Amino acid sequence: MSMLVCAHNAVGPFLFGIASSLLGFLVLHLINGQKNLESVLLLVSISGLLMMVITFWWKISMHASALAAAVTALSMVYGRVMLPAFLLVVLVSWSRVKLHRHTLAQVIAGSLVGVALSWLLLKSQGF
């Protein structure tokens, strides 16, 4: 099965996730909800869109990306005490390669995308 066919099969869940997180963001914004949660929902929306587009051409690791984004956000909000959580990113990435779901390049790229998006968004929010 070609990568393009696999990517087309994943569009529905991607779009549902993106739409759901955008709706949550919009609701929170309209009711003056917690800004931290708004930031998380915005991050999930942007990340989902980017990962969906990348998936049309390459099987980037969404597991590594999501976990790296979460650990980056936690580290930025709670400080150095959260840095050991990055070991979880290494373990998840290793398992994705070991299970032959991804190559080393795909998990590294996914992790870097997650870290970069999380860092950029939270820096823009004043963290």
N, C-alpha and C. Protein backbone atom coordinates (compact mmCIF):
# COMPACT_ATOMS: atom_id res chain seq x y z
N MET A 1 0.85 -1.16 0.00
CA MET A 1 0.00 0.00 0.00
C MET A 1 0.90 1.24 0.00
N SER A 2 0.61 2.16 -0.86
CA SER A 2 1.45 3.35 -0.96
C SER A 2 1.22 4.28 0.23
N MET A 3 2.22 5.13 0.49
CA MET A 3 2.13 6.08 1.60
C MET A 3 0.97 7.04 1.40
N LEU A 4 0.70 7.42 0.16
CA LEU A 4 -0.39 8.36 -0.12
C LEU A 4 -1.74 7.75 0.24
N VAL A 5 -1.93 6.46 -0.04
CA VAL A 5 -3.17 5.78 0.32
C VAL A 5 -3.31 5.71 1.83
N CYS A 6 -2.21 5.37 2.54
CA CYS A 6 -2.23 5.32 4.00
C CYS A 6 -2.58 6.68 4.59
N ALA A 7 -2.02 7.73 4.03
CA ALA A 7 -2.27 9.08 4.52
C ALA A 7 -3.73 9.47 4.31
N HIS A 8 -4.28 9.10 3.16
CA HIS A 8 -5.69 9.42 2.89
C HIS A 8 -6.61 8.71 3.88
N ASN A 9 -6.25 7.51 4.30
CA ASN A 9 -7.05 6.78 5.29
C ASN A 9 -7.02 7.45 6.65
N ALA A 10 -5.99 8.24 6.93
CA ALA A 10 -5.85 8.88 8.23
C ALA A 10 -6.44 10.29 8.27
N VAL A 11 -6.88 10.82 7.15
CA VAL A 11 -7.36 12.20 7.10
C VAL A 11 -8.57 12.41 8.01
N GLY A 12 -9.51 11.48 8.00
CA GLY A 12 -10.72 11.63 8.82
C GLY A 12 -10.41 11.81 10.30
N PRO A 13 -9.65 10.89 10.90
CA PRO A 13 -9.31 11.07 12.32
C PRO A 13 -8.52 12.36 12.59
N PHE A 14 -7.61 12.71 11.68
CA PHE A 14 -6.87 13.96 11.84
C PHE A 14 -7.83 15.15 11.86
N LEU A 15 -8.72 15.20 10.87
CA LEU A 15 -9.65 16.33 10.78
C LEU A 15 -10.57 16.39 11.99
N PHE A 16 -11.03 15.24 12.47
CA PHE A 16 -11.87 15.21 13.66
C PHE A 16 -11.12 15.77 14.87
N GLY A 17 -9.88 15.33 15.05
CA GLY A 17 -9.07 15.81 16.17
C GLY A 17 -8.78 17.29 16.09
N ILE A 18 -8.44 17.76 14.90
CA ILE A 18 -8.16 19.18 14.69
C ILE A 18 -9.41 20.01 14.95
N ALA A 19 -10.54 19.59 14.39
CA ALA A 19 -11.79 20.32 14.58
C ALA A 19 -12.21 20.33 16.05
N SER A 20 -12.05 19.22 16.73
CA SER A 20 -12.41 19.14 18.15
C SER A 20 -11.56 20.08 19.00
N SER A 21 -10.26 20.08 18.76
CA SER A 21 -9.39 20.95 19.56
C SER A 21 -9.62 22.42 19.22
N LEU A 22 -9.91 22.73 17.96
CA LEU A 22 -10.23 24.11 17.60
C LEU A 22 -11.54 24.57 18.23
N LEU A 23 -12.53 23.68 18.27
CA LEU A 23 -13.80 24.01 18.91
C LEU A 23 -13.59 24.27 20.39
N GLY A 24 -12.82 23.43 21.04
CA GLY A 24 -12.50 23.63 22.46
C GLY A 24 -11.80 24.96 22.69
N PHE A 25 -10.84 25.25 21.83
CA PHE A 25 -10.12 26.53 21.92
C PHE A 25 -11.09 27.70 21.79
N LEU A 26 -11.97 27.64 20.79
CA LEU A 26 -12.93 28.71 20.54
C LEU A 26 -13.87 28.90 21.73
N VAL A 27 -14.38 27.81 22.27
CA VAL A 27 -15.28 27.90 23.42
C VAL A 27 -14.55 28.53 24.60
N LEU A 28 -13.37 28.06 24.91
CA LEU A 28 -12.61 28.63 26.03
C LEU A 28 -12.32 30.11 25.81
N HIS A 29 -11.98 30.46 24.58
CA HIS A 29 -11.68 31.86 24.28
C HIS A 29 -12.92 32.74 24.47
N LEU A 30 -14.05 32.25 24.03
CA LEU A 30 -15.29 33.03 24.13
C LEU A 30 -15.78 33.20 25.57
N ILE A 31 -15.49 32.23 26.41
CA ILE A 31 -15.94 32.33 27.81
C ILE A 31 -14.81 32.82 28.73
N ASN A 32 -13.75 33.33 28.12
CA ASN A 32 -12.58 33.78 28.90
C ASN A 32 -12.06 32.68 29.81
N GLY A 33 -11.87 31.51 29.22
CA GLY A 33 -11.38 30.35 29.96
C GLY A 33 -9.91 30.48 30.28
N GLN A 34 -9.41 29.43 30.91
CA GLN A 34 -8.01 29.41 31.33
C GLN A 34 -7.09 29.47 30.11
N LYS A 35 -6.18 30.43 30.12
CA LYS A 35 -5.28 30.67 28.98
C LYS A 35 -4.33 29.49 28.75
N ASN A 36 -3.90 28.84 29.82
CA ASN A 36 -3.01 27.68 29.64
C ASN A 36 -3.69 26.58 28.84
N LEU A 37 -4.96 26.33 29.14
CA LEU A 37 -5.69 25.30 28.42
C LEU A 37 -5.95 25.72 26.98
N GLU A 38 -6.22 27.01 26.78
CA GLU A 38 -6.36 27.52 25.41
C GLU A 38 -5.08 27.26 24.63
N SER A 39 -3.94 27.51 25.25
CA SER A 39 -2.65 27.30 24.59
C SER A 39 -2.45 25.84 24.21
N VAL A 40 -2.82 24.94 25.11
CA VAL A 40 -2.69 23.51 24.82
C VAL A 40 -3.56 23.12 23.63
N LEU A 41 -4.80 23.59 23.61
CA LEU A 41 -5.70 23.26 22.51
C LEU A 41 -5.22 23.84 21.18
N LEU A 42 -4.67 25.04 21.24
CA LEU A 42 -4.11 25.63 20.03
C LEU A 42 -2.91 24.81 19.55
N LEU A 43 -2.06 24.40 20.48
CA LEU A 43 -0.90 23.57 20.14
C LEU A 43 -1.35 22.26 19.49
N VAL A 44 -2.36 21.63 20.06
CA VAL A 44 -2.86 20.36 19.51
C VAL A 44 -3.39 20.58 18.09
N SER A 45 -4.09 21.68 17.87
CA SER A 45 -4.65 21.97 16.54
C SER A 45 -3.55 22.19 15.51
N ILE A 46 -2.59 23.03 15.85
CA ILE A 46 -1.49 23.33 14.92
C ILE A 46 -0.66 22.07 14.66
N SER A 47 -0.36 21.35 15.72
CA SER A 47 0.43 20.13 15.58
C SER A 47 -0.31 19.10 14.72
N GLY A 48 -1.60 18.94 14.95
CA GLY A 48 -2.38 18.00 14.16
C GLY A 48 -2.38 18.34 12.69
N LEU A 49 -2.54 19.61 12.39
CA LEU A 49 -2.53 20.06 10.99
C LEU A 49 -1.17 19.80 10.35
N LEU A 50 -0.11 20.17 11.04
CA LEU A 50 1.24 19.96 10.52
C LEU A 50 1.54 18.48 10.32
N MET A 51 1.19 17.66 11.31
CA MET A 51 1.47 16.23 11.21
C MET A 51 0.65 15.59 10.10
N MET A 52 -0.58 16.05 9.90
CA MET A 52 -1.41 15.51 8.81
C MET A 52 -0.76 15.80 7.46
N VAL A 53 -0.29 17.03 7.28
CA VAL A 53 0.34 17.41 6.01
C VAL A 53 1.62 16.59 5.79
N ILE A 54 2.44 16.47 6.82
CA ILE A 54 3.69 15.70 6.69
C ILE A 54 3.38 14.24 6.36
N THR A 55 2.32 13.70 6.95
CA THR A 55 1.98 12.29 6.76
C THR A 55 1.63 11.96 5.31
N PHE A 56 1.25 12.94 4.52
CA PHE A 56 0.99 12.68 3.11
C PHE A 56 2.26 12.25 2.38
N TRP A 57 3.42 12.66 2.88
CA TRP A 57 4.69 12.34 2.20
C TRP A 57 5.61 11.44 3.00
N TRP A 58 5.44 11.43 4.32
CA TRP A 58 6.41 10.72 5.15
C TRP A 58 5.73 10.28 6.43
N LYS A 59 6.08 9.14 6.96
CA LYS A 59 5.44 8.59 8.15
C LYS A 59 6.13 9.08 9.42
N ILE A 60 5.98 10.36 9.73
CA ILE A 60 6.57 10.94 10.93
C ILE A 60 5.88 10.37 12.17
N SER A 61 6.59 10.26 13.27
CA SER A 61 6.03 9.67 14.48
C SER A 61 5.19 10.66 15.27
N MET A 62 3.89 10.39 15.29
CA MET A 62 2.99 11.24 16.06
C MET A 62 3.10 10.93 17.55
N HIS A 63 3.42 9.67 17.89
CA HIS A 63 3.61 9.32 19.30
C HIS A 63 4.76 10.14 19.89
N ALA A 64 5.89 10.14 19.20
CA ALA A 64 7.06 10.88 19.69
C ALA A 64 6.77 12.37 19.72
N SER A 65 6.08 12.87 18.72
CA SER A 65 5.79 14.29 18.65
C SER A 65 4.88 14.75 19.79
N ALA A 66 3.80 14.02 20.01
CA ALA A 66 2.85 14.40 21.06
C ALA A 66 3.50 14.36 22.44
N LEU A 67 4.26 13.31 22.70
CA LEU A 67 4.90 13.19 24.01
C LEU A 67 5.99 14.26 24.19
N ALA A 68 6.77 14.51 23.16
CA ALA A 68 7.81 15.55 23.25
C ALA A 68 7.19 16.92 23.47
N ALA A 69 6.06 17.20 22.81
CA ALA A 69 5.37 18.47 23.00
C ALA A 69 4.86 18.60 24.43
N ALA A 70 4.27 17.53 24.95
CA ALA A 70 3.74 17.57 26.32
C ALA A 70 4.85 17.75 27.35
N VAL A 71 5.94 17.02 27.19
CA VAL A 71 7.05 17.13 28.15
C VAL A 71 7.71 18.50 28.05
N THR A 72 7.82 19.04 26.86
CA THR A 72 8.37 20.39 26.69
C THR A 72 7.50 21.41 27.40
N ALA A 73 6.18 21.31 27.20
CA ALA A 73 5.26 22.25 27.85
C ALA A 73 5.35 22.13 29.37
N LEU A 74 5.37 20.91 29.88
CA LEU A 74 5.48 20.72 31.33
C LEU A 74 6.79 21.29 31.86
N SER A 75 7.87 21.10 31.13
CA SER A 75 9.17 21.63 31.55
C SER A 75 9.18 23.15 31.56
N MET A 76 8.52 23.75 30.58
CA MET A 76 8.49 25.21 30.51
C MET A 76 7.62 25.79 31.62
N VAL A 77 6.55 25.10 31.97
CA VAL A 77 5.63 25.61 32.99
C VAL A 77 6.15 25.31 34.41
N TYR A 78 6.67 24.09 34.62
CA TYR A 78 7.04 23.67 35.98
C TYR A 78 8.54 23.66 36.24
N GLY A 79 9.34 23.91 35.21
CA GLY A 79 10.77 24.03 35.41
C GLY A 79 11.55 22.73 35.30
N ARG A 80 12.77 22.78 35.80
CA ARG A 80 13.73 21.69 35.65
C ARG A 80 13.30 20.37 36.27
N VAL A 81 12.41 20.44 37.23
CA VAL A 81 11.96 19.22 37.89
C VAL A 81 11.32 18.26 36.87
N MET A 82 10.85 18.77 35.74
CA MET A 82 10.20 17.95 34.72
C MET A 82 11.17 17.40 33.68
N LEU A 83 12.41 17.84 33.67
CA LEU A 83 13.36 17.40 32.65
C LEU A 83 13.54 15.89 32.57
N PRO A 84 13.54 15.16 33.70
CA PRO A 84 13.67 13.69 33.58
C PRO A 84 12.54 13.04 32.76
N ALA A 85 11.43 13.73 32.59
CA ALA A 85 10.32 13.19 31.79
C ALA A 85 10.72 13.01 30.33
N PHE A 86 11.77 13.70 29.88
CA PHE A 86 12.23 13.51 28.51
C PHE A 86 12.73 12.08 28.27
N LEU A 87 13.05 11.36 29.35
CA LEU A 87 13.41 9.95 29.21
C LEU A 87 12.23 9.15 28.64
N LEU A 88 11.01 9.59 28.94
CA LEU A 88 9.83 8.94 28.37
C LEU A 88 9.80 9.08 26.84
N VAL A 89 10.24 10.22 26.36
CA VAL A 89 10.30 10.44 24.91
C VAL A 89 11.29 9.45 24.28
N VAL A 90 12.41 9.26 24.94
CA VAL A 90 13.41 8.31 24.45
C VAL A 90 12.83 6.90 24.45
N LEU A 91 12.14 6.52 25.52
CA LEU A 91 11.58 5.18 25.61
C LEU A 91 10.49 4.94 24.56
N VAL A 92 9.60 5.90 24.38
CA VAL A 92 8.54 5.75 23.38
C VAL A 92 9.15 5.70 21.98
N SER A 93 10.12 6.56 21.73
CA SER A 93 10.78 6.56 20.42
C SER A 93 11.47 5.23 20.16
N TRP A 94 12.17 4.72 21.16
CA TRP A 94 12.84 3.43 21.03
C TRP A 94 11.81 2.34 20.72
N SER A 95 10.68 2.36 21.43
CA SER A 95 9.67 1.31 21.20
C SER A 95 9.09 1.39 19.80
N ARG A 96 8.90 2.59 19.26
CA ARG A 96 8.35 2.74 17.91
C ARG A 96 9.32 2.18 16.86
N VAL A 97 10.62 2.38 17.10
CA VAL A 97 11.63 1.83 16.19
C VAL A 97 11.72 0.31 16.38
N LYS A 98 11.76 -0.13 17.61
CA LYS A 98 11.88 -1.57 17.92
C LYS A 98 10.70 -2.35 17.35
N LEU A 99 9.50 -1.76 17.37
CA LEU A 99 8.31 -2.42 16.83
C LEU A 99 8.19 -2.29 15.31
N HIS A 100 9.20 -1.65 14.70
CA HIS A 100 9.23 -1.43 13.25
C HIS A 100 8.05 -0.60 12.74
N ARG A 101 7.59 0.33 13.58
CA ARG A 101 6.53 1.24 13.17
C ARG A 101 7.11 2.50 12.52
N HIS A 102 8.37 2.81 12.91
CA HIS A 102 9.05 4.00 12.40
C HIS A 102 10.54 3.74 12.30
N THR A 103 11.19 4.60 11.54
CA THR A 103 12.65 4.59 11.50
C THR A 103 13.15 5.55 12.58
N LEU A 104 14.44 5.49 12.83
CA LEU A 104 15.03 6.42 13.79
C LEU A 104 14.82 7.86 13.35
N ALA A 105 14.96 8.13 12.06
CA ALA A 105 14.76 9.49 11.55
C ALA A 105 13.32 9.97 11.79
N GLN A 106 12.34 9.09 11.65
CA GLN A 106 10.95 9.47 11.83
C GLN A 106 10.62 9.82 13.28
N VAL A 107 11.21 9.09 14.24
CA VAL A 107 10.94 9.43 15.64
C VAL A 107 11.72 10.67 16.08
N ILE A 108 12.91 10.84 15.55
CA ILE A 108 13.67 12.05 15.86
C ILE A 108 12.96 13.27 15.30
N ALA A 109 12.51 13.17 14.05
CA ALA A 109 11.79 14.30 13.44
C ALA A 109 10.51 14.60 14.20
N GLY A 110 9.76 13.57 14.57
CA GLY A 110 8.54 13.78 15.34
C GLY A 110 8.82 14.47 16.66
N SER A 111 9.85 14.01 17.35
CA SER A 111 10.22 14.63 18.63
C SER A 111 10.61 16.09 18.47
N LEU A 112 11.40 16.37 17.45
CA LEU A 112 11.85 17.75 17.22
C LEU A 112 10.68 18.67 16.85
N VAL A 113 9.75 18.16 16.05
CA VAL A 113 8.56 18.96 15.71
C VAL A 113 7.76 19.26 16.98
N GLY A 114 7.57 18.24 17.82
CA GLY A 114 6.83 18.44 19.06
C GLY A 114 7.48 19.46 19.98
N VAL A 115 8.78 19.33 20.17
CA VAL A 115 9.52 20.28 21.02
C VAL A 115 9.43 21.69 20.45
N ALA A 116 9.68 21.82 19.16
CA ALA A 116 9.71 23.15 18.53
C ALA A 116 8.34 23.83 18.59
N LEU A 117 7.29 23.11 18.24
CA LEU A 117 5.96 23.71 18.28
C LEU A 117 5.56 24.12 19.68
N SER A 118 5.81 23.24 20.63
CA SER A 118 5.46 23.54 22.02
C SER A 118 6.25 24.75 22.52
N TRP A 119 7.53 24.76 22.26
CA TRP A 119 8.38 25.87 22.71
C TRP A 119 7.95 27.19 22.08
N LEU A 120 7.73 27.17 20.76
CA LEU A 120 7.32 28.40 20.06
C LEU A 120 6.00 28.94 20.55
N LEU A 121 5.03 28.05 20.71
CA LEU A 121 3.71 28.50 21.15
C LEU A 121 3.76 29.04 22.57
N LEU A 122 4.43 28.33 23.47
CA LEU A 122 4.47 28.78 24.85
C LEU A 122 5.30 30.05 25.02
N LYS A 123 6.37 30.19 24.24
CA LYS A 123 7.15 31.44 24.26
C LYS A 123 6.29 32.60 23.79
N SER A 124 5.47 32.36 22.78
CA SER A 124 4.59 33.43 22.28
C SER A 124 3.51 33.78 23.30
N GLN A 125 3.23 32.86 24.22
CA GLN A 125 2.23 33.09 25.26
C GLN A 125 2.86 33.69 26.53
N GLY A 126 4.16 33.92 26.50
CA GLY A 126 4.82 34.55 27.64
C GLY A 126 5.46 33.61 28.63
N PHE A 127 5.61 32.34 28.28
CA PHE A 127 6.25 31.39 29.21
C PHE A 127 7.75 31.41 29.03
